[in-house]
Protein backbone atom coordinates (compact mmCIF):
# COMPACT_ATOMS: atom_id res chain seq x y z
CA MET A 1 -57.87 46.73 -54.13
CA ARG A 2 -56.14 44.51 -51.28
CA SER A 3 -52.12 45.78 -50.38
CA HIS A 4 -49.80 43.36 -49.25
CA ASN A 5 -46.50 44.18 -46.98
CA SER A 6 -43.42 42.60 -47.31
CA SER A 7 -40.71 42.56 -44.78
CA ASN A 8 -37.13 41.98 -46.06
CA TYR A 9 -34.88 41.45 -42.91
CA VAL A 10 -31.49 41.85 -43.42
CA VAL A 11 -28.48 40.10 -41.63
CA ALA A 12 -25.48 42.03 -41.77
CA VAL A 13 -22.20 40.33 -40.52
CA ASN A 14 -19.31 41.13 -39.21
CA LEU A 15 -16.04 39.33 -40.53
CA SER A 16 -14.53 40.69 -38.27
CA THR A 17 -16.73 38.64 -36.01
CA VAL A 18 -16.39 35.63 -37.28
CA ILE A 19 -12.56 35.61 -37.83
CA LYS A 20 -12.39 36.37 -34.03
CA GLY A 21 -14.35 33.57 -32.82
CA ILE A 22 -12.73 31.09 -35.37
CA PHE A 23 -9.37 32.29 -34.03
CA ILE A 24 -11.09 31.64 -30.22
CA PHE A 25 -12.31 28.72 -30.82
CA LEU A 26 -9.07 26.90 -32.84
CA PHE A 27 -6.53 28.72 -29.94
CA THR A 28 -8.66 27.20 -27.11
CA LEU A 29 -8.41 24.14 -29.29
CA LEU A 30 -5.06 23.87 -29.41
CA THR A 31 -4.48 24.85 -25.75
CA ILE A 32 -6.14 21.70 -24.52
CA PHE A 33 -4.52 19.28 -26.93
CA SER A 34 -1.12 21.20 -25.73
CA ILE A 35 -2.13 20.75 -21.62
CA SER A 36 -2.59 17.10 -22.35
CA GLY A 37 -0.05 16.23 -24.46
CA ILE A 38 2.21 17.56 -21.83
CA LEU A 39 0.33 16.37 -18.75
CA THR A 40 1.08 12.43 -21.00
CA SER A 41 4.59 13.33 -21.71
CA LEU A 42 5.77 14.19 -18.29
CA LYS A 43 7.86 12.23 -16.61
CA PRO A 44 6.33 9.34 -14.10
CA GLU A 45 7.17 11.08 -10.81
CA TYR A 46 5.80 14.43 -12.20
CA ARG A 47 2.65 13.30 -13.37
CA ILE A 48 -0.63 14.08 -11.15
CA THR A 49 -1.59 10.48 -9.50
CA SER A 50 -3.99 9.71 -6.50
CA SER A 51 -1.17 9.35 -4.39
CA SER A 52 -0.04 12.86 -5.24
CA VAL A 53 -3.28 14.03 -4.59
CA ASN A 54 -3.45 12.10 -1.08
CA GLN A 55 -0.22 13.71 -0.11
CA VAL A 56 -1.11 17.10 -1.47
CA ALA A 57 -4.12 16.80 1.04
CA GLN A 58 -2.03 15.54 3.80
CA ASN A 59 -0.12 18.20 3.46
CA VAL A 60 -3.06 20.64 4.31
CA LYS A 61 -4.57 21.56 8.07
CA GLY A 62 -7.69 20.40 8.97
CA SER A 63 -8.25 23.57 10.24
CA ALA A 64 -7.54 25.39 6.87
CA LEU A 65 -10.49 22.95 5.84
CA TYR A 66 -12.75 24.52 8.19
CA LYS A 67 -12.35 27.73 6.84
CA LEU A 68 -13.23 26.19 2.86
CA PHE A 69 -16.31 25.13 4.44
CA THR A 70 -17.14 28.58 5.81
CA LEU A 71 -16.65 30.08 2.58
CA GLU A 72 -20.00 27.26 1.37
CA ASN A 73 -21.80 27.46 4.96
CA ARG A 74 -21.60 30.00 7.37
CA ALA A 75 -23.27 27.90 9.97
CA PHE A 76 -19.62 25.70 10.16
CA SER A 77 -17.72 28.75 11.83
CA ALA A 78 -19.61 27.82 14.42
CA ALA A 79 -17.31 25.18 14.99
CA SER A 80 -14.54 26.46 13.71
CA PRO A 81 -11.56 25.79 16.08
CA GLU A 82 -9.89 29.27 17.18
CA GLU A 83 -7.03 28.67 15.67
CA ALA A 84 -8.13 27.42 12.58
CA ASP A 85 -6.13 30.42 9.72
CA TRP A 86 -5.44 30.60 6.49
CA PRO A 87 -1.88 29.46 5.33
CA LYS A 88 0.39 31.73 5.04
CA ALA A 89 0.84 33.26 1.18
CA SER A 90 4.70 33.68 2.25
CA ASP A 91 4.92 30.08 3.31
CA LEU A 92 2.95 28.85 0.63
CA MET A 93 5.46 30.53 -1.84
CA ILE A 94 8.32 29.56 -0.78
CA GLU A 95 7.76 25.93 -0.71
CA LEU A 96 6.56 25.98 -4.10
CA ALA A 97 9.64 27.85 -5.04
CA THR A 98 12.54 25.83 -3.06
CA ASN A 99 10.37 22.67 -1.94
CA ILE A 100 11.43 23.17 1.75
CA SER A 101 8.95 22.99 3.88
CA PHE A 102 9.02 25.25 7.62
CA GLU A 103 7.34 22.54 9.14
CA ASP A 104 9.47 19.20 8.04
CA PRO A 105 13.18 19.92 8.34
CA ARG A 106 14.37 17.11 6.23
CA SER A 107 13.52 19.03 2.93
CA LEU A 108 16.34 21.42 3.87
CA LEU A 109 18.67 18.95 5.51
CA GLY A 110 18.43 16.61 3.06
CA ARG A 111 19.85 18.98 0.46
CA GLU A 112 23.01 20.17 2.28
CA LEU A 113 24.10 16.79 4.03
CA PRO A 114 25.86 14.22 2.48
CA GLY A 115 23.83 10.99 2.37
CA PHE A 116 20.95 12.47 4.22
CA SER A 117 18.88 12.28 0.76
CA ILE A 118 18.62 8.46 1.67
CA PHE A 119 15.98 9.41 4.26
CA ASP A 120 14.00 11.39 2.08
CA SER A 121 10.93 8.82 1.55
CA HIS A 122 7.45 9.08 2.30
CA ILE A 123 5.43 6.32 4.85
CA LEU A 124 2.00 5.54 2.43
CA VAL A 125 0.75 3.52 5.49
CA ALA A 126 2.32 3.58 9.12
CA GLY A 127 2.71 0.46 11.42
CA GLU A 128 2.31 0.92 15.07
CA GLY A 129 5.13 2.77 15.76
CA THR A 130 6.35 3.63 12.90
CA ASP A 131 7.09 7.74 12.08
CA TYR A 132 10.15 9.52 10.18
CA THR A 133 12.82 8.58 12.40
CA ASN A 134 12.57 5.22 12.00
CA MET A 135 12.22 4.15 8.47
CA PRO A 136 14.10 1.61 6.51
CA HIS A 137 16.82 2.69 4.81
CA GLU A 138 19.86 1.46 3.03
CA SER A 139 23.16 1.54 4.31
CA ILE A 140 25.92 1.29 2.11
CA PRO A 141 28.78 -1.10 3.52
CA PRO A 142 32.13 -0.19 3.48
CA GLU A 143 34.24 -2.69 0.85
CA GLU A 144 35.99 -4.76 3.43
CA ALA A 145 32.32 -6.50 4.38
CA LEU A 146 32.05 -7.36 0.77
CA ASN A 147 34.82 -9.44 0.44
CA PRO A 148 33.80 -13.07 1.12
CA GLU A 149 37.65 -13.56 2.36
CA ASN A 150 36.37 -11.45 5.25
CA ASP A 151 33.62 -13.43 6.70
CA ALA A 152 32.94 -13.92 9.86
CA PRO A 153 32.83 -17.08 11.74
CA THR A 154 28.94 -18.21 12.24
CA GLN A 155 27.06 -19.10 14.85
CA ASN A 156 23.30 -19.61 16.32
CA THR A 157 22.70 -21.26 13.06
CA ASP A 158 20.75 -23.93 14.36
CA SER A 159 17.73 -22.48 13.15
CA LEU A 160 18.89 -22.20 9.87
CA GLU A 161 17.45 -25.78 9.54
CA ASN A 162 14.55 -26.86 7.59
CA SER A 163 11.11 -27.69 9.46
CA ASN A 164 10.28 -30.75 6.97
CA GLU A 165 7.68 -30.91 9.19
CA ASP A 166 4.45 -32.89 7.28
CA GLY A 167 1.88 -30.65 7.28
CA GLU A 168 -2.36 -31.20 6.36
CA LYS A 169 -2.51 -31.56 2.42
CA PRO A 170 -3.26 -27.85 1.15
CA PRO A 171 -6.97 -27.43 0.02
CA SER A 172 -5.85 -25.03 -2.66
CA THR A 173 -2.48 -25.74 -5.47
CA THR A 174 -1.07 -24.34 -8.35
CA GLY A 175 0.39 -27.72 -9.25
CA ASP A 176 3.07 -27.98 -10.91
CA LYS A 177 2.92 -24.29 -11.88
CA GLU A 178 5.97 -22.16 -10.03
CA THR A 179 3.90 -18.18 -9.69
CA VAL A 180 5.45 -16.57 -7.15
CA GLN A 181 9.50 -15.65 -7.80
CA LEU A 182 11.55 -14.63 -5.07
CA TYR A 183 15.25 -12.78 -5.32
CA PHE A 184 17.99 -10.83 -3.44
CA THR A 185 19.25 -7.62 -4.86
CA HIS A 186 21.15 -7.60 -1.22
CA ASN A 187 21.65 -10.97 -1.17
CA ARG A 188 24.91 -11.06 1.39
CA GLU A 189 22.84 -8.90 3.78
CA SER A 190 23.39 -10.66 7.37
CA PHE A 191 22.34 -10.55 10.89
CA LEU A 192 24.71 -9.65 14.26
CA PRO A 193 23.75 -12.48 16.01
CA HIS A 194 24.93 -14.75 13.68
CA LEU A 195 28.29 -13.46 13.51
CA LYS A 196 30.48 -14.09 15.76
CA GLY A 197 32.92 -11.17 17.08
CA VAL A 198 30.46 -8.45 14.57
CA THR A 199 28.59 -5.88 16.64
CA ASN A 200 29.28 -3.12 13.68
CA PRO A 201 25.90 -3.09 11.65
CA ASP A 202 27.38 -1.42 8.59
CA LEU A 203 29.60 -5.42 8.70
CA ALA A 204 26.42 -7.20 8.78
CA HIS A 205 27.21 -9.01 5.58
CA HIS A 206 28.20 -12.69 4.37
CA SER A 207 28.42 -14.87 1.30
CA GLU A 208 26.85 -17.82 3.30
CA VAL A 209 24.55 -16.63 6.14
CA ASN A 210 22.35 -13.99 4.75
CA VAL A 211 18.80 -12.58 3.46
CA THR A 212 19.15 -15.71 1.04
CA LYS A 213 17.98 -18.25 3.94
CA ILE A 214 14.54 -16.19 4.67
CA GLY A 215 13.52 -17.14 0.41
CA ASP A 216 14.68 -20.84 1.20
CA ARG A 217 12.19 -20.83 4.14
CA LEU A 218 9.86 -18.79 2.72
CA LYS A 219 9.35 -21.13 -0.51
CA GLU A 220 8.64 -23.91 2.30
CA GLU A 221 6.44 -22.74 3.62
CA LEU A 222 4.13 -21.07 0.21
CA GLU A 223 4.48 -24.36 -1.04
CA SER A 224 3.07 -25.94 2.09
CA LEU A 225 -0.15 -23.97 1.15
CA GLY A 226 -0.40 -24.75 -2.18
CA ILE A 227 1.91 -22.20 -3.91
CA GLY A 228 4.28 -23.02 -6.21
CA THR A 229 7.80 -20.85 -5.74
CA ARG A 230 11.12 -20.32 -6.65
CA VAL A 231 14.38 -18.94 -5.27
CA ASP A 232 16.82 -17.43 -7.49
CA LYS A 233 20.00 -17.11 -5.70
CA THR A 234 22.44 -15.25 -7.76
CA ASP A 235 25.19 -13.87 -5.87
CA VAL A 236 24.39 -10.51 -7.40
CA ILE A 237 26.49 -8.14 -5.11
CA GLY A 238 29.83 -10.84 -6.07
CA ASN A 239 28.86 -9.97 -9.23
CA LEU A 240 29.17 -6.52 -8.50
CA ASN A 241 32.83 -6.71 -7.69
CA ASN A 242 33.88 -8.91 -9.91
CA LYS A 243 32.99 -6.04 -12.45
CA GLY A 244 34.04 -3.08 -10.35
CA LEU A 245 30.93 -1.61 -9.92
CA GLU A 246 29.73 0.54 -6.92
CA TYR A 247 27.19 -0.79 -4.76
CA TYR A 248 23.92 1.51 -6.04
CA SER A 249 24.38 -0.45 -9.16
CA ALA A 250 22.36 -3.38 -7.35
CA TYR A 251 19.18 -2.79 -8.50
CA ASP A 252 20.72 -2.71 -12.58
CA GLU A 253 22.68 -5.92 -11.71
CA SER A 254 19.42 -7.96 -10.26
CA ARG A 255 17.22 -6.50 -12.93
CA PRO A 256 17.72 -9.35 -15.41
CA ILE A 257 17.45 -11.53 -12.79
CA ALA A 258 13.81 -10.70 -12.60
CA LYS A 259 12.91 -10.11 -16.56
CA GLU A 260 14.38 -13.53 -17.01
CA ALA A 261 12.25 -14.74 -14.42
CA MET A 262 9.34 -13.63 -16.14
CA ALA A 263 10.37 -14.53 -19.91
CA ASP A 264 11.28 -18.53 -18.55
CA ASN A 265 8.03 -18.78 -16.83
CA LYS A 266 4.67 -17.78 -18.28
CA ASP A 267 2.81 -18.47 -14.88
CA LEU A 268 5.00 -16.37 -12.96
CA LEU A 269 2.21 -14.25 -11.10
CA TYR A 270 4.61 -12.32 -8.41
CA LEU A 271 8.05 -11.27 -7.61
CA ILE A 272 9.08 -10.63 -4.13
CA ASP A 273 12.69 -9.13 -3.97
CA ILE A 274 13.97 -10.09 -0.04
CA HIS A 275 15.84 -7.26 1.81
CA ARG A 276 16.90 -6.95 5.76
CA ASP A 277 16.49 -3.63 7.46
CA SER A 278 19.70 -1.77 8.92
CA ILE A 279 18.10 -0.15 11.24
CA ARG A 280 18.34 -1.68 15.28
CA GLY A 281 16.23 -4.09 16.77
CA GLU A 282 14.39 -2.07 19.13
CA ASN A 283 12.41 -1.11 15.86
CA THR A 284 12.37 -3.84 13.99
CA THR A 285 12.05 -6.56 16.63
CA ILE A 286 7.92 -7.31 17.73
CA THR A 287 6.54 -9.83 20.54
CA ILE A 288 3.45 -11.62 19.78
CA ASN A 289 1.45 -14.25 21.78
CA GLY A 290 4.87 -14.33 24.04
CA LYS A 291 6.92 -15.07 20.83
CA SER A 292 9.23 -12.61 19.08
CA TYR A 293 8.99 -12.00 15.81
CA ALA A 294 10.71 -9.75 13.26
CA LYS A 295 8.78 -6.75 11.82
CA VAL A 296 8.06 -6.67 8.25
CA ALA A 297 8.34 -3.57 5.71
CA PHE A 298 7.20 -3.00 2.55
CA VAL A 299 9.51 -0.53 0.23
CA ILE A 300 7.26 0.71 -3.19
CA GLY A 301 10.08 2.96 -5.90
CA ALA A 302 7.27 5.49 -7.33
CA GLU A 303 9.52 6.27 -10.33
CA HIS A 304 7.25 4.46 -12.95
CA PRO A 305 4.25 5.05 -14.48
CA ASN A 306 2.37 1.68 -12.52
CA TYR A 307 3.36 2.39 -9.21
CA GLU A 308 0.00 2.47 -7.55
CA LYS A 309 -0.09 -1.67 -8.45
CA ASN A 310 2.47 -2.52 -6.36
CA GLU A 311 1.23 0.36 -3.69
CA LYS A 312 -1.77 -1.58 -4.08
CA LEU A 313 -0.75 -5.22 -3.34
CA ALA A 314 1.68 -3.57 -0.69
CA ARG A 315 -1.37 -2.04 1.31
CA GLU A 316 -3.58 -4.68 1.56
CA LEU A 317 -0.87 -7.29 2.84
CA HIS A 318 0.13 -4.82 5.39
CA LYS A 319 -3.56 -4.03 6.47
CA MET A 320 -3.89 -8.55 6.10
CA LEU A 321 -0.57 -8.87 8.33
CA ASN A 322 -1.47 -6.32 11.19
CA LYS A 323 -4.97 -7.58 11.95
CA GLN A 324 -3.67 -11.10 12.51
CA TYR A 325 -0.13 -10.47 13.70
CA LYS A 326 -0.79 -6.56 15.23
CA GLY A 327 1.95 -4.78 14.57
CA ILE A 328 4.10 -7.09 12.95
CA SER A 329 4.18 -4.41 9.89
CA ARG A 330 6.28 -1.22 10.19
CA GLY A 331 4.35 0.05 6.96
CA VAL A 332 4.07 0.89 3.39
CA PHE A 333 7.13 3.23 2.16
CA VAL A 334 7.68 4.71 -1.21
CA LYS A 335 10.94 6.19 -1.77
CA LYS A 336 12.07 8.28 -5.11
CA GLY A 337 14.75 10.60 -6.38
CA SER A 338 18.36 10.98 -5.47
CA GLY A 339 20.09 8.83 -3.18
CA THR A 340 17.48 5.51 -4.62
CA ASN A 341 17.25 3.72 -7.39
CA GLY A 342 13.75 4.84 -7.26
CA LYS A 343 11.87 1.46 -9.31
CA PHE A 344 13.25 -1.01 -7.39
CA ASN A 345 12.60 -3.40 -10.56
CA GLN A 346 8.74 -3.67 -9.56
CA ASP A 347 8.31 -1.54 -13.32
CA LEU A 348 8.77 -4.76 -14.26
CA SER A 349 4.99 -6.41 -13.29
CA PRO A 350 2.34 -4.63 -10.58
CA ASN A 351 2.63 -7.56 -8.19
CA SER A 352 6.24 -6.72 -7.64
CA ILE A 353 7.12 -5.66 -3.91
CA LEU A 354 10.40 -5.08 -1.99
CA VAL A 355 9.69 -6.81 1.32
CA GLU A 356 12.16 -6.09 3.84
CA PHE A 357 12.34 -8.92 7.05
CA GLY A 358 13.76 -7.71 10.14
CA GLY A 359 17.02 -5.51 10.89
CA VAL A 360 20.61 -6.45 11.36
CA ASP A 361 19.64 -7.60 15.17
CA ASN A 362 17.18 -9.99 14.90
CA ASN A 363 18.24 -13.63 14.97
CA PHE A 364 16.62 -16.21 12.45
CA GLU A 365 14.11 -17.84 14.79
CA GLU A 366 12.85 -14.95 15.24
CA LEU A 367 12.96 -14.43 11.05
CA ASN A 368 11.65 -18.20 11.09
CA ARG A 369 8.19 -17.03 12.02
CA SER A 370 7.77 -13.73 10.76
CA THR A 371 8.34 -15.75 7.56
CA ALA A 372 5.64 -17.96 8.34
CA ALA A 373 3.13 -15.95 9.14
CA PHE A 374 3.80 -13.57 6.12
CA ALA A 375 3.38 -16.83 4.21
CA ASP A 376 0.43 -17.39 6.14
CA ILE A 377 -1.00 -14.17 5.11
CA PHE A 378 0.06 -13.74 1.09
CA ALA A 379 -1.22 -17.58 0.65
CA GLN A 380 -4.68 -15.99 2.35
CA TYR A 381 -4.27 -12.99 -0.29
CA TYR A 382 -2.68 -15.44 -3.12
CA TRP A 383 -5.62 -17.75 -3.23
CA GLN A 384 -8.41 -15.06 -2.77
CA ALA A 385 -7.36 -13.42 -6.23
CA GLU A 386 -7.37 -16.65 -7.72
CA LYS A 387 -11.27 -17.43 -6.54
CA VAL A 388 -11.99 -13.70 -7.67
CA ASN A 389 -10.13 -15.08 -11.21
CA HIS A 390 -11.92 -18.60 -11.15
CA ASN A 391 -8.21 -19.68 -12.02
CA LEU A 392 -8.12 -22.72 -8.19
CA SER A 393 -6.90 -25.92 -9.31
CA GLU A 394 -7.80 -28.99 -7.14
CA PRO A 395 -5.01 -30.38 -5.04
CA PRO A 396 -3.17 -33.48 -6.27
CA SER A 397 -3.66 -37.11 -5.72
CA SER A 398 -2.76 -38.81 -2.72
CA GLN A 399 -1.99 -41.70 -4.70
């Protein structure tokens, strides 16, 4: 007689353990969704972007990076500089709590001195000779400077005439399409060499001889290169005066211009707001091949979600300009926070930029050269982008 042994397995399940596991799972899931919701609902200026990570990285000293490397590979300790050390915890805590950096006095002064916040910008790409002492900035003109009745007599305006030069037919053209829109938020910004008897840079404003002349010349240059261009010379500052609005409302007043241009023109690809800087000639003038040029600068507003696309365009134009016209671009600058508009209407299009042509001391001879240089580089960028998009058109027939 053969006996059979049967084994019975009993699995004991602790109900409290199962409940704890379910609770932990649900809590983890809820935490993930909560964090995701917080990150996506933050204002654009508080979101983590590649530029914000880059900004943080720029504040980390190279010596501190050596310290990090030595934690993984002690062989790096042999190359670690003697001054290499960890950042002080106290400095980090103060900067996190107050946003004040001991290495950047602007972080303190900008909050204590009235009007100093206009310098609270960042250099994304620095051109030759550019630093935090000569960044682009907007000066609010006195009320009398914005009254056309106070316009100074003009002088040295021969260079304002259009060139009317018959150049070669461009190899590519937009045909009847006008794909670039030029406009002027601070349309009365002018230049001291053309205002008789005016030496105060704060008074360099004029209702007729101003940055709109740069727009006329840029339109001419771009169209000679096959790029159809529109110019809107709405008197934004005059509208502010008529409505009793302050100067800082200029971008709100120019916004409908950009929006209307986009709504009316389905072919529009680029929006360019033309300005001139308020700083003096030593920082806005350069000699290239024996000729004097007005420098240009690109200003990007960072208080909207897609500003990095505008930044990419500005970076590329800056790079191309300085490659062919060494030193002509002062760089790419980001502005946000108190004391500035923060958008500059660039949230309306990923191909929207603000370009500063020269400063108060530049003349139109210098400005015209820079306008031609900018048009040359912009056309190269434009047609290369068109080739990528397979959207080239043939030049018009000579008949």
